[in-house]
Structure formats: C-alpha cells, structure tokens
Amino acid sequence: MFEVNHLGELEIISVPIGKDVEEYSLQLAVLCKCGKDVFGELPRFIGWMNHPNHILSGKKPIELLETPLGFQWIHDELTRIAHGTLA
C-alpha cells in the first residue's frame, strides 16, 4: 500500500508478500502517474483510492492493489473517468 508523506511525496508502506518488488513498484508508479494526470494532483488520486467505491460494493480501490487484475481494473476506471464515461 502507499501514502503521501508531509512533503506530498509518495511512500510505499508495504508490499504484498510473494510479489516481485521491482514489478510491483513499476506498476504502482505507472498507476500513480495516470491517477495524477486524471485528478490533477497525487493527494486527490490517493483520496479516491482510499474512498469506498459503489462499483466495488463499498470496497476501496486501494484494496485491489494486491493482484494484477486489480491494477488493471483501477487503470481502466481511471481511463473511464478521464474520458467522462463513468459507469
């Protein structure tokens, strides 16, 4: 998981066990770049990631970061938001 520190910088606070750290970090960096582009600033993206989502039956998007499919779902959702096609 990740959080923004007091300087507004992204910090990874834990990595799911069994994941290749390099691959996970790259996926997370790409996702954060996309989120920052969509929301305009990283803290707003992280706020969205930590907010319960009705499409996920009340789960938070951040809870999906443990699987490649979860990363893909978040990326797809960000693409929909960027293009104004909310589900």
C-alpha atoms as a PDB file:
ATOM      1  CA  MET A   1       0.000   0.000   0.000  1.00  0.00           C
ATOM      2  CA  PHE A   2       1.072   3.622  -0.170  1.00  0.00           C
ATOM      3  CA  GLU A   3       0.504   7.034   1.350  1.00  0.00           C
ATOM      4  CA  VAL A   4       1.590  10.647   0.844  1.00  0.00           C
ATOM      5  CA  ASN A   5       4.043  11.961   3.442  1.00  0.00           C
ATOM      6  CA  HIS A   6       4.052  15.503   4.880  1.00  0.00           C
ATOM      7  CA  LEU A   7       6.075  16.726   1.869  1.00  0.00           C
ATOM      8  CA  GLY A   8       3.473  15.450  -0.595  1.00  0.00           C
ATOM      9  CA  GLU A   9       5.739  12.610  -1.726  1.00  0.00           C
ATOM     10  CA  LEU A  10       4.520   9.076  -2.327  1.00  0.00           C
ATOM     11  CA  GLU A  11       5.779   6.442   0.119  1.00  0.00           C
ATOM     12  CA  ILE A  12       5.229   2.710  -0.256  1.00  0.00           C
ATOM     13  CA  ILE A  13       4.415   1.395   3.202  1.00  0.00           C
ATOM     14  CA  SER A  14       4.058  -2.307   2.407  1.00  0.00           C
ATOM     15  CA  VAL A  15       4.228  -4.722  -0.499  1.00  0.00           C
ATOM     16  CA  PRO A  16       2.112  -7.876  -0.742  1.00  0.00           C
ATOM     17  CA  ILE A  17       4.139 -10.977   0.125  1.00  0.00           C
ATOM     18  CA  GLY A  18       5.182 -13.020  -2.893  1.00  0.00           C
ATOM     19  CA  LYS A  19       5.149 -10.099  -5.340  1.00  0.00           C
ATOM     20  CA  ASP A  20       8.252  -9.165  -7.255  1.00  0.00           C
ATOM     21  CA  VAL A  21       9.066  -5.769  -5.699  1.00  0.00           C
ATOM     22  CA  GLU A  22      10.524  -4.292  -8.893  1.00  0.00           C
ATOM     23  CA  GLU A  23       7.480  -5.225 -10.988  1.00  0.00           C
ATOM     24  CA  TYR A  24       5.079  -4.059  -8.282  1.00  0.00           C
ATOM     25  CA  SER A  25       6.900  -0.722  -7.944  1.00  0.00           C
ATOM     26  CA  LEU A  26       6.786  -0.141 -11.697  1.00  0.00           C
ATOM     27  CA  GLN A  27       3.064  -0.938 -11.867  1.00  0.00           C
ATOM     28  CA  LEU A  28       2.428   1.375  -8.921  1.00  0.00           C
ATOM     29  CA  ALA A  29       4.449   4.204 -10.493  1.00  0.00           C
ATOM     30  CA  VAL A  30       2.512   3.909 -13.770  1.00  0.00           C
ATOM     31  CA  LEU A  31      -0.783   3.846 -11.903  1.00  0.00           C
ATOM     32  CA  CYS A  32       0.158   6.901  -9.812  1.00  0.00           C
ATOM     33  CA  LYS A  33       1.198   8.810 -12.936  1.00  0.00           C
ATOM     34  CA  CYS A  34      -2.141   8.009 -14.541  1.00  0.00           C
ATOM     35  CA  GLY A  35      -4.016   8.941 -11.355  1.00  0.00           C
ATOM     36  CA  LYS A  36      -2.149  12.232 -11.057  1.00  0.00           C
ATOM     37  CA  ASP A  37      -2.945  13.027 -14.696  1.00  0.00           C
ATOM     38  CA  VAL A  38      -6.648  12.287 -14.152  1.00  0.00           C
ATOM     39  CA  PHE A  39      -7.074  14.023 -10.774  1.00  0.00           C
ATOM     40  CA  GLY A  40      -4.538  16.818 -11.254  1.00  0.00           C
ATOM     41  CA  GLU A  41      -2.543  16.062  -8.126  1.00  0.00           C
ATOM     42  CA  LEU A  42      -1.380  12.960  -6.307  1.00  0.00           C
ATOM     43  CA  PRO A  43      -3.186  13.596  -2.979  1.00  0.00           C
ATOM     44  CA  ARG A  44      -6.554  13.783  -4.784  1.00  0.00           C
ATOM     45  CA  PHE A  45      -5.817  10.478  -6.541  1.00  0.00           C
ATOM     46  CA  ILE A  46      -4.836   8.849  -3.248  1.00  0.00           C
ATOM     47  CA  GLY A  47      -8.033  10.191  -1.696  1.00  0.00           C
ATOM     48  CA  TRP A  48     -10.009   8.483  -4.480  1.00  0.00           C
ATOM     49  CA  MET A  49      -8.042   5.270  -3.919  1.00  0.00           C
ATOM     50  CA  ASN A  50      -8.982   5.320  -0.213  1.00  0.00           C
ATOM     51  CA  HIS A  51     -12.660   6.146  -0.702  1.00  0.00           C
ATOM     52  CA  PRO A  52     -15.241   3.311  -0.783  1.00  0.00           C
ATOM     53  CA  ASN A  53     -16.483   2.762  -4.337  1.00  0.00           C
ATOM     54  CA  HIS A  54     -20.077   1.700  -5.037  1.00  0.00           C
ATOM     55  CA  ILE A  55     -18.941  -0.230  -8.128  1.00  0.00           C
ATOM     56  CA  LEU A  56     -16.795  -2.361  -5.818  1.00  0.00           C
ATOM     57  CA  SER A  57     -19.643  -2.997  -3.384  1.00  0.00           C
ATOM     58  CA  GLY A  58     -18.205  -0.442  -0.977  1.00  0.00           C
ATOM     59  CA  LYS A  59     -14.585  -1.609  -1.179  1.00  0.00           C
ATOM     60  CA  LYS A  60     -11.786   0.908  -1.659  1.00  0.00           C
ATOM     61  CA  PRO A  61      -9.793   0.782  -4.933  1.00  0.00           C
ATOM     62  CA  ILE A  62      -6.579   0.609  -2.893  1.00  0.00           C
ATOM     63  CA  GLU A  63      -7.686  -2.843  -1.728  1.00  0.00           C
ATOM     64  CA  LEU A  64      -7.256  -4.100  -5.311  1.00  0.00           C
ATOM     65  CA  LEU A  65      -3.512  -3.434  -5.468  1.00  0.00           C
ATOM     66  CA  GLU A  66      -2.627  -6.970  -4.447  1.00  0.00           C
ATOM     67  CA  THR A  67      -3.372  -8.510  -7.855  1.00  0.00           C
ATOM     68  CA  PRO A  68      -2.553  -7.687 -11.487  1.00  0.00           C
ATOM     69  CA  LEU A  69      -6.281  -7.788 -12.243  1.00  0.00           C
ATOM     70  CA  GLY A  70      -6.833  -5.168  -9.540  1.00  0.00           C
ATOM     71  CA  PHE A  71      -4.209  -2.888 -11.060  1.00  0.00           C
ATOM     72  CA  GLN A  72      -5.904  -3.296 -14.441  1.00  0.00           C
ATOM     73  CA  TRP A  73      -9.343  -2.515 -13.011  1.00  0.00           C
ATOM     74  CA  ILE A  74      -8.032   0.706 -11.414  1.00  0.00           C
ATOM     75  CA  HIS A  75      -6.295   1.735 -14.645  1.00  0.00           C
ATOM     76  CA  ASP A  76      -9.459   1.024 -16.651  1.00  0.00           C
ATOM     77  CA  GLU A  77     -11.550   3.030 -14.197  1.00  0.00           C
ATOM     78  CA  LEU A  78      -9.132   5.972 -14.408  1.00  0.00           C
ATOM     79  CA  THR A  79      -9.403   5.829 -18.198  1.00  0.00           C
ATOM     80  CA  ARG A  80     -13.206   5.958 -17.940  1.00  0.00           C
ATOM     81  CA  ILE A  81     -13.020   8.934 -15.576  1.00  0.00           C
ATOM     82  CA  ALA A  82     -10.571  10.732 -17.884  1.00  0.00           C
ATOM     83  CA  HIS A  83     -12.949  10.259 -20.828  1.00  0.00           C
ATOM     84  CA  GLY A  84     -16.068  11.121 -18.845  1.00  0.00           C
ATOM     85  CA  THR A  85     -17.641   7.668 -19.122  1.00  0.00           C
ATOM     86  CA  LEU A  86     -18.439   6.843 -15.536  1.00  0.00           C
ATOM     87  CA  ALA A  87     -20.159   3.521 -15.015  1.00  0.00           C
END
